[in-house]
């Protein structure tokens, strides 16, 4: 478990789903240094436990993560702010490069750094009451944990600029319409739906999912020819694995596959 009690990690032995929860509901799960360090430890522990899917969530009924801790940031010097930014980037990168799918369970407010952590996840599921925004401009700053780079890769450039320039807060349905989240679920069904999605992902062939994630991530970072070369390498490298043999045999035998 992470050393701080502000972050909890639960790994379900039967499904391989790990749930990493920011547990600071009295502060709307705001991200201070202890929380960020706890998230880093939690992600590393989930990887060490060979989790097949990771769910990122926030405790309580009001917020996923309402943002960075403003009371902590207020009087930071430039070098201190740089260190804080680097820590936030480290956590986002750990989520982005986690070797299995990461699902952001966005229930309630996801502002500033909370939105940025969700952007670093593979999939985003929002509750009907969720509201998402890059609200840093209201504080006299800009997104500092990847928002200016990941957001326009996910939504249109116009939407990203409006969110960053104006601090626009998007209700869940609007966030879905612009592609910021993949789906919106009724509040009362949210937890069950996220659990079902995570279990479905965890039941997929593990090595193939990891390869797919690596290739998809490169689509935002490499020229087309480099990404295609990586795809060829990953695709061919899966041949000879148990899951490839089993998946194709099951298809030919008209039965459900039994992946490792």
Protein backbone atom coordinates (compact mmCIF):
# COMPACT_ATOMS: atom_id res chain seq x y z
CA UNK A 1 0.00 0.00 0.00
CA UNK A 2 1.16 3.61 -0.55
CA UNK A 3 2.80 5.04 2.56
CA UNK A 4 0.31 7.93 2.75
CA UNK A 5 -3.25 7.28 3.92
CA UNK A 6 -4.45 9.80 1.33
CA UNK A 7 -4.26 7.18 -1.43
CA UNK A 8 -5.55 3.61 -1.30
CA UNK A 9 -4.86 0.69 -3.61
CA UNK A 10 -7.06 -2.39 -3.91
CA UNK A 11 -6.16 -5.28 -6.19
CA UNK A 12 -8.88 -7.87 -6.81
CA UNK A 13 -7.25 -11.29 -6.96
CA UNK A 14 -10.13 -12.81 -8.91
CA UNK A 15 -10.14 -10.29 -11.77
CA UNK A 16 -6.74 -8.62 -11.68
CA UNK A 17 -8.41 -5.19 -11.52
CA UNK A 18 -6.55 -2.66 -9.38
CA UNK A 19 -8.38 0.41 -8.05
CA UNK A 20 -6.29 3.42 -7.05
CA UNK A 21 -8.32 5.96 -5.07
CA UNK A 22 -7.46 9.48 -3.97
CA UNK A 23 -8.93 9.50 -0.46
CA UNK A 24 -9.15 13.13 0.56
CA UNK A 25 -12.86 13.86 0.22
CA UNK A 26 -12.82 16.69 2.77
CA UNK A 27 -10.64 18.64 0.30
CA UNK A 28 -12.43 17.34 -2.81
CA UNK A 29 -9.44 15.02 -3.35
CA UNK A 30 -7.11 17.94 -4.12
CA UNK A 31 -3.59 16.93 -5.08
CA UNK A 32 -0.81 17.95 -2.72
CA UNK A 33 2.69 16.48 -2.68
CA UNK A 34 1.71 13.60 -0.37
CA UNK A 35 -1.16 12.60 -2.66
CA UNK A 36 1.00 12.75 -5.78
CA UNK A 37 3.73 10.67 -4.16
CA UNK A 38 1.08 8.21 -2.98
CA UNK A 39 -0.25 7.93 -6.53
CA UNK A 40 3.23 7.22 -7.85
CA UNK A 41 3.72 4.48 -5.26
CA UNK A 42 0.27 3.06 -5.95
CA UNK A 43 0.81 2.86 -9.71
CA UNK A 44 4.16 1.14 -9.15
CA UNK A 45 2.58 -1.35 -6.73
CA UNK A 46 -0.25 -2.10 -9.15
CA UNK A 47 2.32 -2.84 -11.85
CA UNK A 48 4.32 -5.04 -9.49
CA UNK A 49 1.10 -6.92 -8.70
CA UNK A 50 0.68 -7.54 -12.45
CA UNK A 51 -2.69 -5.76 -12.49
CA UNK A 52 -4.50 -6.35 -15.75
CA UNK A 53 -6.49 -3.10 -15.53
CA UNK A 54 -6.08 -0.03 -13.34
CA UNK A 55 -9.00 2.18 -12.30
CA UNK A 56 -8.24 5.71 -11.04
CA UNK A 57 -10.97 7.11 -8.79
CA UNK A 58 -11.70 9.72 -6.14
CA UNK A 59 -13.32 9.11 -2.76
CA UNK A 60 -16.62 10.66 -1.75
CA UNK A 61 -19.62 11.84 -3.75
CA UNK A 62 -18.46 15.28 -4.88
CA UNK A 63 -15.20 14.99 -6.79
CA UNK A 64 -12.97 12.77 -8.85
CA UNK A 65 -10.08 15.16 -8.25
CA UNK A 66 -10.96 18.85 -7.96
CA UNK A 67 -7.43 19.90 -8.91
CA UNK A 68 -4.08 20.69 -7.39
CA UNK A 69 -4.00 21.95 -3.81
CA UNK A 70 -4.23 25.74 -4.13
CA UNK A 71 -3.38 26.33 -0.48
CA UNK A 72 -0.09 24.50 -1.12
CA UNK A 73 0.63 26.26 -4.43
CA UNK A 74 -0.15 29.81 -3.38
CA UNK A 75 3.29 30.82 -2.10
CA UNK A 76 5.54 28.52 -4.14
CA UNK A 77 8.73 29.98 -5.57
CA UNK A 78 9.57 29.29 -9.21
CA UNK A 79 11.98 26.42 -8.33
CA UNK A 80 9.38 24.93 -5.97
CA UNK A 81 6.70 25.24 -8.64
CA UNK A 82 9.03 23.51 -11.11
CA UNK A 83 9.49 20.57 -8.72
CA UNK A 84 5.72 20.36 -8.16
CA UNK A 85 5.13 20.40 -11.92
CA UNK A 86 7.67 17.64 -12.45
CA UNK A 87 5.99 15.47 -9.81
CA UNK A 88 2.59 15.93 -11.47
CA UNK A 89 4.11 15.08 -14.85
CA UNK A 90 5.70 11.97 -13.37
CA UNK A 91 2.34 10.70 -12.13
CA UNK A 92 0.64 11.44 -15.46
CA UNK A 93 3.43 9.67 -17.35
CA UNK A 94 3.20 6.66 -15.02
CA UNK A 95 -0.50 6.37 -15.81
CA UNK A 96 0.07 6.86 -19.53
CA UNK A 97 2.78 4.20 -19.71
CA UNK A 98 1.20 1.70 -17.31
CA UNK A 99 1.44 -1.67 -19.13
CA UNK A 100 -2.31 -2.30 -18.97
CA UNK A 101 -5.39 -0.16 -19.66
CA UNK A 102 -6.10 2.63 -17.18
CA UNK A 103 -9.67 3.84 -16.68
CA UNK A 104 -10.46 7.23 -15.17
CA UNK A 105 -13.70 6.94 -13.18
CA UNK A 106 -14.72 10.60 -13.30
CA UNK A 107 -17.48 11.07 -10.73
CA UNK A 108 -18.04 14.69 -9.72
CA UNK A 109 -15.58 17.54 -10.27
CA UNK A 110 -12.43 17.00 -12.35
CA UNK A 111 -10.72 20.37 -12.60
CA UNK A 112 -7.16 21.44 -13.35
CA UNK A 113 -4.76 18.70 -12.30
CA UNK A 114 -7.67 16.29 -11.90
CA UNK A 115 -8.62 16.74 -15.53
CA UNK A 116 -4.96 16.32 -16.49
CA UNK A 117 -4.67 12.99 -14.69
CA UNK A 118 -7.84 11.81 -16.44
CA UNK A 119 -6.33 12.86 -19.77
CA UNK A 120 -3.34 10.61 -19.07
CA UNK A 121 -5.61 7.57 -18.70
CA UNK A 122 -6.60 5.33 -21.61
CA UNK A 123 -10.36 5.58 -21.13
CA UNK A 124 -12.55 8.10 -19.33
CA UNK A 125 -16.01 7.22 -17.98
CA UNK A 126 -18.06 10.06 -16.48
CA UNK A 127 -21.06 10.04 -14.18
CA UNK A 128 -24.02 12.23 -15.13
CA UNK A 129 -23.03 14.69 -12.40
CA UNK A 130 -19.41 14.97 -13.51
CA UNK A 131 -18.00 18.34 -14.59
CA UNK A 132 -14.59 18.62 -16.27
CA UNK A 133 -12.45 21.69 -16.84
CA UNK A 134 -8.96 23.12 -17.25
CA UNK A 135 -9.58 25.93 -14.80
CA UNK A 136 -6.01 27.10 -14.17
CA UNK A 137 -6.56 30.44 -15.97
CA UNK A 138 -8.85 31.48 -13.09
CA UNK A 139 -5.80 31.24 -10.81
CA UNK A 140 -3.52 33.26 -13.07
CA UNK A 141 -1.64 30.21 -14.35
CA UNK A 142 -1.87 27.62 -17.14
CA UNK A 143 -2.18 23.82 -17.08
CA UNK A 144 1.11 22.43 -15.82
CA UNK A 145 0.71 18.66 -15.82
CA UNK A 146 0.17 17.99 -19.51
CA UNK A 147 -3.17 19.65 -20.22
CA UNK A 148 -1.92 21.91 -23.00
CA UNK A 149 -0.49 18.89 -24.83
CA UNK A 150 -2.88 16.00 -24.17
CA UNK A 151 -6.14 17.95 -24.38
CA UNK A 152 -5.80 19.08 -28.04
CA UNK A 153 -4.78 15.53 -28.97
CA UNK A 154 -8.14 14.32 -27.65
CA UNK A 155 -10.58 17.08 -28.58
CA UNK A 156 -10.49 19.69 -31.32
CA UNK A 157 -7.97 22.50 -31.11
CA UNK A 158 -10.82 25.00 -30.77
CA UNK A 159 -12.38 23.16 -27.82
CA UNK A 160 -8.99 22.82 -26.12
CA UNK A 161 -8.25 26.53 -26.51
CA UNK A 162 -11.66 27.53 -25.16
CA UNK A 163 -11.21 25.27 -22.15
CA UNK A 164 -7.71 26.59 -21.42
CA UNK A 165 -8.25 30.27 -22.33
CA UNK A 166 -11.65 30.64 -20.65
CA UNK A 167 -11.51 27.96 -17.99
CA UNK A 168 -14.70 26.48 -19.40
CA UNK A 169 -16.26 23.74 -17.30
CA UNK A 170 -17.97 21.05 -19.35
CA UNK A 171 -20.88 19.04 -17.92
CA UNK A 172 -20.63 15.31 -18.57
CA UNK A 173 -22.91 15.21 -21.61
CA UNK A 174 -21.03 18.06 -23.29
CA UNK A 175 -17.70 16.45 -22.43
CA UNK A 176 -18.89 13.30 -24.17
CA UNK A 177 -20.09 15.22 -27.23
CA UNK A 178 -16.63 16.75 -27.79
CA UNK A 179 -14.81 13.46 -27.20
CA UNK A 180 -13.33 14.31 -23.81
CA UNK A 181 -14.95 11.24 -22.21
CA UNK A 182 -15.98 8.00 -23.85
CA UNK A 183 -19.33 7.56 -22.13
CA UNK A 184 -21.64 9.02 -19.51
CA UNK A 185 -23.37 6.77 -16.99
CA UNK A 186 -26.22 7.46 -14.58
CA UNK A 187 -24.95 8.29 -11.10
CA UNK A 188 -26.71 5.36 -9.46
CA UNK A 189 -25.22 2.87 -11.94
CA UNK A 190 -21.76 4.43 -12.17
CA UNK A 191 -19.71 2.24 -9.81
CA UNK A 192 -21.18 -0.99 -11.17
CA UNK A 193 -20.61 0.09 -14.76
CA UNK A 194 -16.96 1.01 -14.13
CA UNK A 195 -16.41 -2.32 -12.40
CA UNK A 196 -17.94 -4.19 -15.35
CA UNK A 197 -15.82 -2.27 -17.87
CA UNK A 198 -12.65 -2.88 -15.88
CA UNK A 199 -13.44 -6.59 -15.61
CA UNK A 200 -14.03 -6.78 -19.37
CA UNK A 201 -10.67 -5.15 -20.03
CA UNK A 202 -8.93 -7.41 -17.53
CA UNK A 203 -10.34 -10.48 -19.30
CA UNK A 204 -8.75 -9.48 -22.59
CA UNK A 205 -5.42 -11.05 -23.67
CA UNK A 206 -2.85 -9.26 -21.54
CA UNK A 207 0.12 -9.14 -23.90
CA UNK A 208 -2.01 -8.04 -26.84
CA UNK A 209 -3.56 -5.21 -24.79
CA UNK A 210 -0.13 -4.04 -23.69
CA UNK A 211 1.09 -4.07 -27.28
CA UNK A 212 -2.02 -2.21 -28.44
CA UNK A 213 -1.53 0.47 -25.80
CA UNK A 214 2.11 0.96 -26.73
CA UNK A 215 1.27 1.32 -30.42
CA UNK A 216 -1.67 3.68 -29.81
CA UNK A 217 0.43 5.91 -27.56
CA UNK A 218 3.03 6.24 -30.32
CA UNK A 219 0.38 7.58 -32.70
CA UNK A 220 0.58 10.88 -30.79
CA UNK A 221 4.36 10.96 -30.57
CA UNK A 222 5.99 9.53 -33.68
CA UNK A 223 5.80 10.17 -37.44
CA UNK A 224 3.50 7.77 -39.27
CA UNK A 225 6.31 5.63 -40.70
CA UNK A 226 7.84 5.11 -37.25
CA UNK A 227 4.49 4.21 -35.72
CA UNK A 228 3.77 1.73 -38.49
CA UNK A 229 7.16 0.08 -37.99
CA UNK A 230 6.40 -0.30 -34.28
CA UNK A 231 2.98 -1.75 -35.07
CA UNK A 232 4.54 -4.38 -37.36
CA UNK A 233 7.05 -5.32 -34.66
CA UNK A 234 4.42 -5.60 -31.94
CA UNK A 235 1.98 -7.50 -34.16
CA UNK A 236 4.48 -10.13 -35.25
CA UNK A 237 5.89 -10.44 -31.75
CA UNK A 238 2.55 -11.70 -30.46
CA UNK A 239 2.70 -14.78 -32.66
CA UNK A 240 3.72 -17.82 -30.67
CA UNK A 241 2.21 -16.52 -27.42
CA UNK A 242 -0.42 -18.60 -25.65
CA UNK A 243 -3.10 -15.97 -26.20
CA UNK A 244 -2.48 -15.77 -29.95
CA UNK A 245 -2.57 -19.54 -30.34
CA UNK A 246 -5.63 -19.87 -28.10
CA UNK A 247 -7.51 -16.96 -29.65
CA UNK A 248 -7.13 -18.26 -33.19
CA UNK A 249 -7.82 -21.87 -32.23
CA UNK A 250 -10.99 -20.81 -30.40
CA UNK A 251 -12.14 -18.85 -33.45
CA UNK A 252 -11.64 -21.83 -35.75
CA UNK A 253 -13.31 -24.16 -33.25
CA UNK A 254 -16.23 -21.76 -32.70
CA UNK A 255 -15.77 -21.48 -28.91
CA UNK A 256 -14.86 -18.85 -26.35
CA UNK A 257 -11.08 -18.38 -25.87
CA UNK A 258 -9.40 -19.01 -22.53
CA UNK A 259 -6.73 -16.34 -22.33
CA UNK A 260 -4.00 -16.34 -19.71
